Amino acid sequence: MVEFKDGYARFRMPVHPEYLQGAKKMQGGLIVALADEAIAHAMMSQLAPDEGLTTIELKSNFLAGVSSGELIATATVFKKGQSLIIGDCLVTDEKGKNICRVSATFLLLKEK
């Protein structure tokens, strides 16, 4: 985690050779996992003390491949409702090239 504030989180992750798939590009599931974690942290900044959350829907658009360098995931909360919270994340390389866009819906869990 690089930055964390109300409704916002930014994460960085190096691209290692062992993360590459057969076409020598970063495996997509790892990119999505990075985005999911960034979105979750952006959302956690807006939770009440009695709230938790869990992912219920995740959509990813892969925009470009990456084979080296570093990924930066920048996530924001789009909307927090009574039972759902929606967030977005753009994953770029260190030069600012768009790699993946992820949107997620999380269920708000209330302690009883």
Protein backbone atom coordinates (compact mmCIF):
# COMPACT_ATOMS: atom_id res chain seq x y z
CA MET A 1 0.00 0.00 0.00
CA VAL A 2 1.33 3.41 -1.01
CA GLU A 3 -1.56 5.69 -0.09
CA PHE A 4 -4.75 5.28 1.93
CA LYS A 5 -7.37 7.92 2.71
CA ASP A 6 -11.14 8.38 2.74
CA GLY A 7 -12.58 6.50 -0.24
CA TYR A 8 -9.16 6.03 -1.87
CA ALA A 9 -6.30 3.55 -1.91
CA ARG A 10 -3.21 3.13 -4.05
CA PHE A 11 -1.13 -0.05 -4.18
CA ARG A 12 2.08 -0.94 -6.02
CA MET A 13 3.25 -4.39 -7.07
CA PRO A 14 6.40 -5.44 -8.93
CA VAL A 15 6.07 -7.71 -11.95
CA HIS A 16 8.29 -10.75 -11.30
CA PRO A 17 9.21 -13.37 -13.93
CA GLU A 18 7.38 -16.06 -11.94
CA TYR A 19 4.13 -14.03 -12.35
CA LEU A 20 4.22 -14.34 -16.15
CA GLN A 21 2.02 -16.80 -18.02
CA GLY A 22 2.91 -18.75 -21.19
CA ALA A 23 2.80 -15.68 -23.46
CA LYS A 24 5.30 -13.94 -21.13
CA LYS A 25 2.69 -11.47 -19.84
CA MET A 26 1.59 -10.93 -16.24
CA GLN A 27 -1.07 -13.48 -15.29
CA GLY A 28 -4.45 -11.74 -15.31
CA GLY A 29 -5.71 -13.19 -12.03
CA LEU A 30 -2.81 -11.56 -10.16
CA ILE A 31 -3.64 -8.18 -11.70
CA VAL A 32 -7.29 -8.56 -10.67
CA ALA A 33 -6.28 -9.65 -7.15
CA LEU A 34 -4.21 -6.47 -6.80
CA ALA A 35 -7.18 -4.36 -7.93
CA ASP A 36 -9.60 -6.22 -5.63
CA GLU A 37 -7.34 -5.55 -2.65
CA ALA A 38 -6.98 -1.86 -3.54
CA ILE A 39 -10.77 -1.48 -3.93
CA ALA A 40 -11.39 -3.27 -0.62
CA HIS A 41 -9.02 -0.90 1.20
CA ALA A 42 -10.64 2.18 -0.36
CA MET A 43 -13.97 0.83 0.86
CA MET A 44 -12.69 -0.04 4.34
CA SER A 45 -11.87 3.64 4.85
CA GLN A 46 -15.61 4.36 4.74
CA LEU A 47 -16.90 1.59 6.98
CA ALA A 48 -18.66 2.20 10.28
CA PRO A 49 -17.19 0.36 13.31
CA ASP A 50 -19.92 -2.33 13.08
CA GLU A 51 -19.49 -2.95 9.32
CA GLY A 52 -17.46 -5.44 7.35
CA LEU A 53 -17.50 -6.31 3.67
CA THR A 54 -17.10 -9.10 1.16
CA THR A 55 -16.81 -9.12 -2.63
CA ILE A 56 -19.98 -10.22 -4.44
CA GLU A 57 -19.20 -9.11 -8.00
CA LEU A 58 -16.01 -8.25 -9.83
CA LYS A 59 -15.63 -7.19 -13.48
CA SER A 60 -12.31 -6.71 -15.20
CA ASN A 61 -11.33 -5.27 -18.57
CA PHE A 62 -7.80 -6.15 -19.63
CA LEU A 63 -6.45 -3.27 -21.70
CA ALA A 64 -2.81 -4.21 -22.27
CA GLY A 65 -0.26 -6.81 -21.28
CA VAL A 66 2.76 -6.17 -19.10
CA SER A 67 5.96 -8.21 -18.78
CA SER A 68 8.17 -6.19 -16.45
CA GLY A 69 8.30 -3.16 -14.21
CA GLU A 70 5.69 -2.29 -11.67
CA LEU A 71 1.91 -2.12 -11.50
CA ILE A 72 0.06 0.70 -9.75
CA ALA A 73 -3.55 0.12 -8.68
CA THR A 74 -5.55 3.26 -7.90
CA ALA A 75 -8.96 2.59 -6.35
CA THR A 76 -11.88 4.79 -5.36
CA VAL A 77 -15.29 4.27 -3.83
CA PHE A 78 -18.01 5.09 -6.36
CA LYS A 79 -21.05 4.75 -4.07
CA LYS A 80 -21.84 3.44 -0.61
CA GLY A 81 -25.44 2.44 0.01
CA GLN A 82 -27.26 0.69 2.85
CA SER A 83 -26.26 -2.84 1.89
CA LEU A 84 -23.86 -2.50 -1.07
CA ILE A 85 -20.74 -0.52 -1.82
CA ILE A 86 -19.33 -0.06 -5.35
CA GLY A 87 -15.72 0.71 -6.21
CA ASP A 88 -13.48 1.16 -9.22
CA CYS A 89 -9.79 0.60 -9.85
CA LEU A 90 -7.45 1.45 -12.69
CA VAL A 91 -4.24 -0.56 -12.87
CA THR A 92 -1.42 1.09 -14.81
CA ASP A 93 2.24 0.38 -15.38
CA GLU A 94 4.87 2.73 -13.94
CA LYS A 95 4.75 4.81 -17.14
CA GLY A 96 1.01 5.42 -16.76
CA LYS A 97 -0.14 2.99 -19.47
CA ASN A 98 -3.57 1.53 -18.70
CA ILE A 99 -3.30 -2.22 -18.05
CA CYS A 100 -6.64 -3.20 -16.47
CA ARG A 101 -9.85 -1.56 -15.29
CA VAL A 102 -11.79 -3.30 -12.51
CA SER A 103 -15.17 -2.49 -10.97
CA ALA A 104 -16.49 -4.30 -7.93
CA THR A 105 -19.60 -4.56 -5.81
CA PHE A 106 -19.18 -5.56 -2.18
CA LEU A 107 -21.83 -6.59 0.33
CA LEU A 108 -21.80 -4.60 3.55
CA LEU A 109 -21.87 -6.93 6.54
CA LYS A 110 -23.43 -5.62 9.75
CA GLU A 111 -22.47 -7.04 13.16
CA LYS A 112 -25.47 -8.25 15.11
